[in-house]
């Protein structure tokens, strides 16, 4: 027996009625597979829907996912541990539509993308690097640093290392001509829009053109890719000095290429190149320039170097103070304990010269406080004594996890047993406990399979398991692996496998 459930959409005139099961779960979320038709706009019977607000649970509407960003996930799953939307949707259904714990932006976006494709709406996940979270709508992100490079939280505005949302291909009969095509939809609960934790659908073309008078949260998404970042250095006497800087939001806006695993850069669809169109070039100090470079390899368990690279692009000698500070960080901009510091009071810069100052970052300093995001935020402050001008450079350094190796043993053929050998080398100087591999592949494994290791993995030893499975579908398939332990979490690997059809 089936009923009709009215699922609200972002429309001032209508709701979209979608068939639902008679159980407590909305029926349009029961299906987790769909065929996606690319290349033609989908004209919906009502106003274009938002990726269902029910993907998050913040509106107490039996939403699928609960969000959490504090690195405490003991009563659920770490957002880094998921390897597919199907498992999340099944858990939500099997536990009576109780929110699944936990998600962050890429998890919300992935589940929303799956649901939209199930509804027949062509959709893709988009990642925006250096994403601005502008809470007051002034298109400026003010960041406050003290003289040692520590951030002072005086504003709710943030710069996320990255942020994920969804684009869906739709016709927009509710808007003026020219806004059909890709629409940005964000299911991550950041800010309320018209009383609901949702965002969009915002035409990507309107974002690029800066048509901020339109509805559907266009100003918020516009700020995510275009907001100016201003750093204020707070002096000991309380005075503030505005700095020049090298951080720009909206970098390398990306999606997965169709039919390939490579990245497709779609930055040009959201914004004009700096210095053209509607967006002005951000001016930097013409005298002193500062940037942060990374040595070869910042691998988990290892020490590594970062460098403050200073260029004096003037004809006179400059004398400066250089402060370098490193802290573990999360992708949403919050920072943890200090794991490296250098304060040089007299750095002499010759005319038209470049100086490179190293900072050694030790594993014994960052290992215990490294979050699941594997990020270290490095801040450099360069203060010129003569003028008092301050130049800021900030870089998020990603700490590389060890490689998950996947070997396929046997001839890959439909309905014939296949063996995958999966291994990982412990890079740390301490044993790994409670180790397990979680493996899934659509058309390969018939759902998730888990392999737990009975013994700890000693330092620099190899963790290895074998997995038997019978591929049920031929063609190009992907085997996805997640490794979890007490000290290494969310380590991902994948392998493409071509399955030959069963002989007739």
Protein backbone atom coordinates (compact mmCIF):
# COMPACT_ATOMS: atom_id res chain seq x y z
CA UNK A 1 0.00 0.00 0.00
CA UNK A 2 1.38 3.39 -0.94
CA UNK A 3 0.53 6.93 -0.02
CA UNK A 4 1.44 10.28 -1.50
CA UNK A 5 3.92 12.35 0.50
CA UNK A 6 4.24 16.05 -0.25
CA UNK A 7 7.91 16.91 -0.07
CA UNK A 8 8.40 20.69 0.21
CA UNK A 9 10.55 22.36 -2.40
CA UNK A 10 11.99 25.87 -2.52
CA UNK A 11 9.06 27.48 -4.28
CA UNK A 12 6.72 30.31 -3.39
CA UNK A 13 3.87 28.70 -5.34
CA UNK A 14 3.91 24.92 -5.02
CA UNK A 15 5.15 21.73 -3.44
CA UNK A 16 6.14 18.66 -5.40
CA UNK A 17 4.16 15.51 -4.59
CA UNK A 18 6.38 12.43 -4.86
CA UNK A 19 5.07 8.88 -4.21
CA UNK A 20 6.11 7.56 -0.81
CA UNK A 21 5.99 4.26 1.00
CA UNK A 22 3.49 3.78 3.79
CA UNK A 23 6.34 3.34 6.25
CA UNK A 24 7.71 6.29 8.17
CA UNK A 25 10.50 6.96 5.67
CA UNK A 26 9.85 9.27 2.69
CA UNK A 27 9.55 6.93 -0.27
CA UNK A 28 11.62 8.95 -2.69
CA UNK A 29 14.65 8.12 -0.54
CA UNK A 30 14.07 4.37 -0.66
CA UNK A 31 15.66 3.91 -4.06
CA UNK A 32 19.42 4.24 -4.17
CA UNK A 33 20.15 3.56 -7.81
CA UNK A 34 19.25 5.56 -10.89
CA UNK A 35 20.31 6.08 -14.43
CA UNK A 36 21.55 9.56 -15.18
CA UNK A 37 20.83 11.23 -18.51
CA UNK A 38 23.34 13.96 -19.21
CA UNK A 39 23.13 16.71 -21.75
CA UNK A 40 19.46 17.80 -21.71
CA UNK A 41 17.70 20.11 -19.29
CA UNK A 42 15.06 18.48 -17.12
CA UNK A 43 11.80 20.44 -17.03
CA UNK A 44 9.97 19.75 -13.76
CA UNK A 45 6.20 20.06 -13.29
CA UNK A 46 6.59 22.65 -10.52
CA UNK A 47 9.23 25.13 -9.50
CA UNK A 48 12.74 23.60 -9.42
CA UNK A 49 13.26 21.65 -6.17
CA UNK A 50 16.06 22.08 -3.73
CA UNK A 51 18.10 19.00 -3.04
CA UNK A 52 15.75 17.80 -0.40
CA UNK A 53 16.29 19.51 2.97
CA UNK A 54 15.72 16.06 4.48
CA UNK A 55 19.32 15.14 3.66
CA UNK A 56 20.26 16.97 6.88
CA UNK A 57 18.32 16.60 10.13
CA UNK A 58 18.68 20.14 11.47
CA UNK A 59 15.02 20.98 10.78
CA UNK A 60 13.80 17.94 12.76
CA UNK A 61 12.22 16.48 9.62
CA UNK A 62 13.52 12.88 9.82
CA UNK A 63 16.59 13.96 7.90
CA UNK A 64 19.13 11.37 6.79
CA UNK A 65 22.35 12.75 8.31
CA UNK A 66 23.47 14.48 11.47
CA UNK A 67 26.43 16.79 11.08
CA UNK A 68 29.34 17.07 13.49
CA UNK A 69 32.64 18.93 13.28
CA UNK A 70 34.29 18.56 16.70
CA UNK A 71 36.33 15.37 16.04
CA UNK A 72 34.28 13.36 18.58
CA UNK A 73 32.43 10.62 16.75
CA UNK A 74 32.47 7.78 19.29
CA UNK A 75 28.68 7.31 19.17
CA UNK A 76 28.61 7.04 15.39
CA UNK A 77 30.84 6.93 12.32
CA UNK A 78 33.54 9.45 11.56
CA UNK A 79 32.61 11.42 8.42
CA UNK A 80 35.93 10.28 6.94
CA UNK A 81 35.00 6.60 7.25
CA UNK A 82 32.14 6.48 4.74
CA UNK A 83 32.84 5.00 1.31
CA UNK A 84 29.37 5.22 -0.26
CA UNK A 85 25.91 6.76 0.00
CA UNK A 86 24.07 3.42 -0.21
CA UNK A 87 25.25 2.32 3.24
CA UNK A 88 24.12 5.64 4.76
CA UNK A 89 20.65 5.47 3.20
CA UNK A 90 20.21 1.85 4.24
CA UNK A 91 21.17 2.64 7.84
CA UNK A 92 18.72 5.53 7.90
CA UNK A 93 15.88 3.33 6.65
CA UNK A 94 16.72 0.29 8.82
CA UNK A 95 16.78 2.37 12.03
CA UNK A 96 13.37 3.95 11.54
CA UNK A 97 14.51 7.14 9.81
CA UNK A 98 16.71 8.19 12.71
CA UNK A 99 19.57 10.50 11.60
CA UNK A 100 22.75 8.65 10.71
CA UNK A 101 25.82 9.85 12.61
CA UNK A 102 27.90 11.64 11.25
CA UNK A 103 28.29 13.72 8.13
CA UNK A 104 30.29 16.69 6.92
CA UNK A 105 30.02 18.61 3.66
CA UNK A 106 31.31 15.93 1.28
CA UNK A 107 29.04 13.32 2.90
CA UNK A 108 25.95 15.56 2.69
CA UNK A 109 26.79 16.36 -0.93
CA UNK A 110 27.35 12.72 -1.90
CA UNK A 111 24.05 11.56 -0.37
CA UNK A 112 22.18 14.46 -1.98
CA UNK A 113 23.73 13.64 -5.36
CA UNK A 114 22.61 10.02 -5.05
CA UNK A 115 19.06 11.04 -4.11
CA UNK A 116 18.79 13.56 -6.95
CA UNK A 117 20.00 10.99 -9.46
CA UNK A 118 17.44 8.54 -8.09
CA UNK A 119 14.80 11.16 -8.92
CA UNK A 120 16.15 11.34 -12.47
CA UNK A 121 17.84 14.72 -12.06
CA UNK A 122 21.37 14.84 -13.57
CA UNK A 123 23.65 15.88 -10.71
CA UNK A 124 27.32 16.06 -9.75
CA UNK A 125 29.34 16.90 -6.64
CA UNK A 126 31.37 20.12 -6.73
CA UNK A 127 34.32 21.07 -4.51
CA UNK A 128 35.30 24.68 -3.88
CA UNK A 129 38.79 25.17 -2.41
CA UNK A 130 39.33 28.08 0.00
CA UNK A 131 35.59 28.43 0.44
CA UNK A 132 34.29 31.52 2.25
CA UNK A 133 31.53 31.24 4.85
CA UNK A 134 30.13 34.79 4.94
CA UNK A 135 27.61 35.04 7.79
CA UNK A 136 26.76 38.75 7.53
CA UNK A 137 26.48 39.11 3.76
CA UNK A 138 29.06 41.88 3.30
CA UNK A 139 31.27 39.81 0.94
CA UNK A 140 34.27 40.37 3.24
CA UNK A 141 35.83 37.77 5.51
CA UNK A 142 37.66 39.51 8.36
CA UNK A 143 40.31 37.37 10.05
CA UNK A 144 42.12 38.54 13.19
CA UNK A 145 45.63 37.44 14.15
CA UNK A 146 47.75 38.43 17.11
CA UNK A 147 51.43 39.24 16.75
CA UNK A 148 52.39 35.56 17.10
CA UNK A 149 50.11 34.45 14.28
CA UNK A 150 47.38 32.97 16.48
CA UNK A 151 43.81 33.49 15.24
CA UNK A 152 41.39 35.45 17.39
CA UNK A 153 37.74 34.51 16.91
CA UNK A 154 36.00 37.90 16.64
CA UNK A 155 33.66 36.94 13.80
CA UNK A 156 31.65 33.90 12.76
CA UNK A 157 32.99 34.30 9.24
CA UNK A 158 35.29 31.44 8.25
CA UNK A 159 37.46 30.24 5.40
CA UNK A 160 37.02 26.51 4.85
CA UNK A 161 39.93 24.64 3.30
CA UNK A 162 37.32 23.21 0.95
CA UNK A 163 33.56 22.91 0.78
CA UNK A 164 31.37 20.54 -1.25
CA UNK A 165 27.91 21.03 -2.68
CA UNK A 166 25.87 19.64 -5.57
CA UNK A 167 25.06 20.92 -9.02
CA UNK A 168 21.89 19.74 -10.77
CA UNK A 169 20.93 20.32 -14.41
CA UNK A 170 17.49 21.92 -14.62
CA UNK A 171 15.27 24.18 -16.64
CA UNK A 172 14.28 27.35 -14.73
CA UNK A 173 10.89 28.54 -16.01
CA UNK A 174 10.47 30.48 -12.74
CA UNK A 175 13.38 32.80 -13.58
CA UNK A 176 14.26 35.07 -16.49
CA UNK A 177 15.60 33.50 -19.67
CA UNK A 178 19.20 32.29 -19.59
CA UNK A 179 19.26 30.60 -16.19
CA UNK A 180 18.66 27.02 -17.31
CA UNK A 181 21.50 24.55 -16.83
CA UNK A 182 23.60 23.88 -13.76
CA UNK A 183 22.12 24.94 -10.41
CA UNK A 184 24.07 24.97 -7.13
CA UNK A 185 22.38 23.17 -4.22
CA UNK A 186 23.96 22.80 -0.79
CA UNK A 187 22.53 20.28 1.73
CA UNK A 188 25.16 20.98 4.40
CA UNK A 189 23.45 22.83 7.29
CA UNK A 190 25.38 26.11 7.44
CA UNK A 191 22.84 28.95 7.56
CA UNK A 192 19.03 29.05 7.45
CA UNK A 193 17.37 30.20 4.23
CA UNK A 194 13.70 31.17 4.48
CA UNK A 195 13.64 29.36 7.82
CA UNK A 196 15.14 26.09 6.56
CA UNK A 197 18.71 24.76 6.65
CA UNK A 198 19.24 24.62 2.91
CA UNK A 199 20.81 26.58 0.07
CA UNK A 200 19.74 26.96 -3.57
CA UNK A 201 18.96 26.06 -6.24
CA UNK A 202 21.13 28.97 -7.38
CA UNK A 203 21.81 29.21 -11.14
CA UNK A 204 25.57 28.97 -11.65
CA UNK A 205 25.31 31.55 -14.44
CA UNK A 206 23.71 34.03 -12.02
CA UNK A 207 26.58 33.48 -9.58
CA UNK A 208 29.13 34.19 -12.30
CA UNK A 209 27.32 37.33 -13.45
CA UNK A 210 26.84 38.59 -9.90
CA UNK A 211 23.03 38.81 -10.18
CA UNK A 212 22.63 39.12 -6.43
CA UNK A 213 19.06 40.42 -6.55
CA UNK A 214 17.71 36.98 -7.48
CA UNK A 215 16.42 34.59 -4.84
CA UNK A 216 17.65 31.10 -4.00
CA UNK A 217 20.68 32.17 -1.92
CA UNK A 218 22.76 33.47 -4.82
CA UNK A 219 24.54 36.08 -2.59
CA UNK A 220 25.67 33.33 -0.17
CA UNK A 221 27.13 31.12 -2.92
CA UNK A 222 28.61 34.20 -4.65
CA UNK A 223 30.46 35.01 -1.41
CA UNK A 224 31.73 31.42 -1.12
CA UNK A 225 33.68 31.83 -4.36
CA UNK A 226 34.32 35.61 -4.46
CA UNK A 227 34.51 37.13 -0.96
CA UNK A 228 37.52 39.26 -0.16
CA UNK A 229 39.67 38.14 2.76
CA UNK A 230 41.12 40.85 5.01
CA UNK A 231 43.61 39.98 7.74
CA UNK A 232 43.92 42.27 10.74
CA UNK A 233 47.00 41.97 12.95
CA UNK A 234 46.09 42.98 16.50
CA UNK A 235 48.98 44.72 18.27
CA UNK A 236 49.69 44.41 21.99
CA UNK A 237 48.18 47.84 22.62
CA UNK A 238 44.92 46.73 20.96
CA UNK A 239 45.46 48.63 17.73
CA UNK A 240 44.80 46.82 14.47
CA UNK A 241 46.84 46.89 11.30
CA UNK A 242 45.35 45.79 8.01
CA UNK A 243 47.63 43.40 6.16
CA UNK A 244 48.23 42.47 2.61
CA UNK A 245 47.96 38.75 1.96
CA UNK A 246 48.11 35.97 -0.59
CA UNK A 247 44.92 34.10 0.21
CA UNK A 248 42.11 34.18 -2.34
CA UNK A 249 38.83 32.28 -2.04
CA UNK A 250 37.23 30.24 -4.78
CA UNK A 251 40.29 28.37 -6.02
CA UNK A 252 40.19 25.35 -8.32
CA UNK A 253 36.43 24.76 -8.22
CA UNK A 254 36.29 21.13 -9.29
CA UNK A 255 34.15 18.15 -10.19
CA UNK A 256 34.88 14.64 -11.39
CA UNK A 257 35.33 14.30 -15.13
CA UNK A 258 32.66 12.28 -16.93
CA UNK A 259 33.85 8.73 -17.55
CA UNK A 260 37.27 9.36 -15.95
CA UNK A 261 38.76 9.64 -12.45
CA UNK A 262 40.50 12.92 -13.25
CA UNK A 263 39.52 16.36 -11.93
CA UNK A 264 37.63 18.76 -14.15
CA UNK A 265 38.24 22.43 -13.36
CA UNK A 266 34.96 24.38 -13.55
CA UNK A 267 36.16 27.59 -11.88
CA UNK A 268 35.37 29.53 -15.07
CA UNK A 269 31.68 28.63 -14.77
CA UNK A 270 31.44 30.39 -11.38
CA UNK A 271 33.69 33.42 -11.83
CA UNK A 272 35.58 35.46 -14.36
CA UNK A 273 39.39 35.37 -14.23
CA UNK A 274 40.80 37.79 -11.67
CA UNK A 275 41.13 41.25 -13.18
CA UNK A 276 38.40 40.75 -15.80
CA UNK A 277 34.63 40.87 -15.95
CA UNK A 278 32.84 41.94 -12.81
CA UNK A 279 35.55 41.09 -10.33
CA UNK A 280 38.53 43.30 -9.68
CA UNK A 281 42.08 42.09 -9.17
CA UNK A 282 43.07 41.89 -5.53
CA UNK A 283 46.01 44.24 -5.07
CA UNK A 284 49.06 43.01 -3.20
CA UNK A 285 51.93 44.97 -1.73
CA UNK A 286 54.34 45.88 -4.52
CA UNK A 287 57.33 45.98 -2.20
CA UNK A 288 57.47 42.81 -0.10
CA UNK A 289 55.91 39.51 -1.10
CA UNK A 290 55.54 36.49 1.14
CA UNK A 291 54.47 32.92 0.42
CA UNK A 292 54.78 29.52 2.06
CA UNK A 293 56.31 26.55 0.25
CA UNK A 294 56.40 22.90 1.22
CA UNK A 295 59.33 20.51 1.08
CA UNK A 296 58.96 17.28 -0.84
CA UNK A 297 56.52 15.14 1.05
CA UNK A 298 54.58 15.79 4.21
CA UNK A 299 53.90 12.16 5.09
CA UNK A 300 52.06 10.99 8.17
CA UNK A 301 54.57 9.86 10.78
CA UNK A 302 57.42 11.92 9.32
CA UNK A 303 59.08 15.26 10.03
CA UNK A 304 59.06 17.81 7.21
CA UNK A 305 59.95 21.40 6.37
CA UNK A 306 57.91 24.40 5.28
CA UNK A 307 59.56 27.57 4.00
CA UNK A 308 58.62 31.23 4.25
CA UNK A 309 59.77 32.65 0.91
CA UNK A 310 60.25 36.44 1.00
CA UNK A 311 60.81 38.63 -2.05
CA UNK A 312 62.02 42.20 -1.69
CA UNK A 313 60.86 43.81 -4.93
CA UNK A 314 62.32 47.22 -4.09
CA UNK A 315 65.67 48.92 -4.64
CA UNK A 316 66.39 49.42 -0.93
CA UNK A 317 67.34 47.09 1.90
CA UNK A 318 64.49 46.13 4.25
CA UNK A 319 64.74 44.91 7.85
CA UNK A 320 61.80 42.86 9.13
CA UNK A 321 60.52 40.59 11.84
CA UNK A 322 59.34 37.17 10.64
CA UNK A 323 56.96 35.04 12.66
CA UNK A 324 56.18 31.47 11.52
CA UNK A 325 53.56 29.42 13.35
CA UNK A 326 52.12 25.97 12.57
CA UNK A 327 48.99 24.46 14.14
CA UNK A 328 46.96 21.35 13.46
CA UNK A 329 43.64 22.28 11.84
CA UNK A 330 40.29 21.05 10.58
CA UNK A 331 39.01 21.69 7.06
CA UNK A 332 36.38 24.17 8.32
CA UNK A 333 39.07 26.57 9.52
CA UNK A 334 39.27 25.75 13.23
CA UNK A 335 42.78 25.28 14.61
CA UNK A 336 44.31 23.11 17.32
CA UNK A 337 47.54 23.13 19.32
CA UNK A 338 50.77 24.64 18.07
CA UNK A 339 53.19 22.18 16.45
CA UNK A 340 55.92 24.53 15.21
CA UNK A 341 57.11 28.10 15.86
CA UNK A 342 59.90 30.41 14.74
CA UNK A 343 60.31 34.11 15.61
CA UNK A 344 63.14 35.95 13.85
CA UNK A 345 63.50 39.54 15.03
CA UNK A 346 65.97 40.81 12.44
CA UNK A 347 65.58 39.47 8.91
CA UNK A 348 67.60 41.63 6.51
CA UNK A 349 66.35 41.62 2.92
CA UNK A 350 68.73 42.84 0.24
CA UNK A 351 67.31 44.86 -2.69
CA UNK A 352 65.68 42.69 -5.39
CA UNK A 353 66.54 39.55 -3.43
CA UNK A 354 64.73 36.44 -2.23
CA UNK A 355 65.10 34.84 1.20
CA UNK A 356 63.88 31.38 2.17
CA UNK A 357 63.41 30.65 5.86
CA UNK A 358 62.70 27.01 6.93
CA UNK A 359 60.47 25.79 9.74
CA UNK A 360 60.87 22.16 10.79
CA UNK A 361 57.59 20.48 11.78
CA UNK A 362 58.10 17.36 13.90
CA UNK A 363 55.75 14.37 14.02
CA UNK A 364 56.19 14.22 17.80
CA UNK A 365 54.62 17.70 17.91
CA UNK A 366 51.71 17.24 15.47
CA UNK A 367 50.92 13.50 15.69
CA UNK A 368 48.71 13.53 18.79
CA UNK A 369 46.61 16.52 17.75
CA UNK A 370 46.27 15.81 14.02
CA UNK A 371 42.55 15.66 13.16
CA UNK A 372 40.85 13.31 10.70
CA UNK A 373 41.35 16.03 8.08
CA UNK A 374 45.16 15.63 8.21
CA UNK A 375 45.74 19.39 7.94
CA UNK A 376 48.36 21.70 9.42
CA UNK A 377 47.79 25.43 9.05
CA UNK A 378 50.97 27.46 8.65
CA UNK A 379 50.81 31.22 9.21
CA UNK A 380 53.65 33.61 8.34
CA UNK A 381 53.70 37.27 9.48
CA UNK A 382 56.31 39.63 8.05
CA UNK A 383 56.50 43.02 9.75
CA UNK A 384 58.64 45.79 8.24
CA UNK A 385 60.20 47.93 10.98
CA UNK A 386 60.46 51.17 8.98
CA UNK A 387 56.81 51.40 7.91
CA UNK A 388 55.11 49.00 10.31
CA UNK A 389 53.44 47.27 7.33
CA UNK A 390 52.50 43.64 7.83
CA UNK A 391 52.33 40.97 5.13
CA UNK A 392 50.46 37.72 5.84
CA UNK A 393 50.73 34.34 4.13
CA UNK A 394 48.70 31.30 5.13
CA UNK A 395 48.86 27.76 3.79
CA UNK A 396 47.09 24.55 4.72
CA UNK A 397 49.47 21.61 4.46
CA UNK A 398 47.88 18.20 3.84
CA UNK A 399 49.59 15.31 5.62
CA UNK A 400 49.68 12.34 3.26
CA UNK A 401 48.37 9.00 4.51
CA UNK A 402 50.06 5.76 3.42
CA UNK A 403 48.96 4.18 0.16
CA UNK A 404 46.33 1.45 0.18
CA UNK A 405 47.50 -1.13 -2.35
CA UNK A 406 44.93 -3.31 -4.11
CA UNK A 407 45.92 -6.35 -6.19
CA UNK A 408 43.37 -8.33 -8.17
CA UNK A 409 44.19 -12.05 -8.30
CA UNK A 410 42.58 -14.10 -11.03
CA UNK A 411 40.79 -13.33 -14.28
CA UNK A 412 38.04 -10.72 -13.73
CA UNK A 413 34.90 -12.25 -15.22
CA UNK A 414 31.20 -11.92 -14.49
CA UNK A 415 29.82 -14.54 -12.05
CA UNK A 416 33.29 -15.96 -11.39
CA UNK A 417 35.03 -15.72 -7.99
CA UNK A 418 37.68 -13.05 -7.77
CA UNK A 419 40.20 -12.30 -5.01
CA UNK A 420 41.44 -8.88 -3.98
CA UNK A 421 44.62 -8.60 -1.90
CA UNK A 422 44.57 -5.34 0.07
CA UNK A 423 47.53 -4.01 2.03
CA UNK A 424 48.86 -0.94 3.82
CA UNK A 425 52.18 -0.24 5.57
CA UNK A 426 52.05 1.34 9.03
CA UNK A 427 54.16 4.53 8.69
CA UNK A 428 54.15 5.35 12.39
CA UNK A 429 56.62 4.51 15.13
CA UNK A 430 53.79 2.99 17.21
CA UNK A 431 51.59 -0.07 16.60
CA UNK A 432 48.12 0.30 15.09
CA UNK A 433 45.29 -1.34 17.06
CA UNK A 434 41.70 -2.24 16.15
CA UNK A 435 42.56 -2.34 12.45
CA UNK A 436 40.01 -3.12 9.78
CA UNK A 437 39.45 -2.76 6.05
CA UNK A 438 35.99 -1.90 4.71
CA UNK A 439 35.50 -2.74 1.03
CA UNK A 440 32.68 -2.00 -1.40
CA UNK A 441 32.20 -2.00 -5.15
CA UNK A 442 28.97 -1.53 -7.10
CA UNK A 443 28.35 -4.69 -9.11
CA UNK A 444 31.31 -6.36 -7.39
CA UNK A 445 30.83 -7.05 -3.68
CA UNK A 446 27.07 -7.15 -3.06
CA UNK A 447 27.29 -4.42 -0.44
CA UNK A 448 30.02 -3.64 2.06
CA UNK A 449 32.40 -6.23 3.39
CA UNK A 450 34.54 -5.76 6.50
CA UNK A 451 37.81 -7.50 7.30
CA UNK A 452 39.13 -7.05 10.85
CA UNK A 453 42.74 -7.79 11.77
CA UNK A 454 43.17 -9.94 14.85
CA UNK A 455 46.61 -8.59 15.79
CA UNK A 456 48.04 -5.06 16.02
CA UNK A 457 50.10 -3.84 13.06
CA UNK A 458 53.60 -3.13 14.34
CA UNK A 459 55.58 -0.02 13.30
CA UNK A 460 56.50 -0.10 9.60
CA UNK A 461 54.87 -3.53 9.25
CA UNK A 462 52.30 -4.41 6.59
CA UNK A 463 48.59 -4.91 7.21
CA UNK A 464 47.21 -7.32 4.61
CA UNK A 465 43.88 -9.03 3.98
CA UNK A 466 42.30 -11.05 1.18
CA UNK A 467 38.73 -10.57 0.06
CA UNK A 468 36.68 -13.02 -2.06
CA UNK A 469 33.81 -11.72 -4.15
CA UNK A 470 31.80 -12.64 -7.23
CA UNK A 471 31.22 -9.80 -9.72
CA UNK A 472 27.58 -9.74 -10.83
CA UNK A 473 27.95 -7.10 -13.52
CA UNK A 474 30.39 -6.75 -16.38
CA UNK A 475 32.18 -3.63 -17.57
CA UNK A 476 34.30 -1.05 -15.75
CA UNK A 477 33.82 -1.29 -11.99
CA UNK A 478 35.48 0.41 -9.02
CA UNK A 479 36.55 -1.27 -5.80
CA UNK A 480 36.71 1.25 -2.92
CA UNK A 481 38.59 0.58 0.34
CA UNK A 482 38.66 2.34 3.71
CA UNK A 483 41.18 1.53 6.45
CA UNK A 484 40.45 2.33 10.10
CA UNK A 485 42.54 1.97 13.27
CA UNK A 486 43.14 3.74 16.54
CA UNK A 487 45.86 6.02 15.13
CA UNK A 488 45.18 6.12 11.38
CA UNK A 489 41.61 6.77 10.27
CA UNK A 490 39.83 7.38 7.01
CA UNK A 491 42.66 6.05 4.81
CA UNK A 492 41.17 5.54 1.35
CA UNK A 493 42.13 3.57 -1.72
CA UNK A 494 40.44 2.44 -4.91
CA UNK A 495 41.08 0.33 -7.97
CA UNK A 496 39.30 0.18 -11.31
CA UNK A 497 38.50 -3.36 -12.45
CA UNK A 498 37.27 -4.34 -15.92
CA UNK A 499 34.95 -7.34 -15.61
CA UNK A 500 34.61 -9.43 -18.74
CA UNK A 501 31.07 -10.62 -19.58
CA UNK A 502 30.18 -14.21 -18.82
CA UNK A 503 30.69 -16.40 -21.90
CA UNK A 504 27.47 -17.43 -23.56
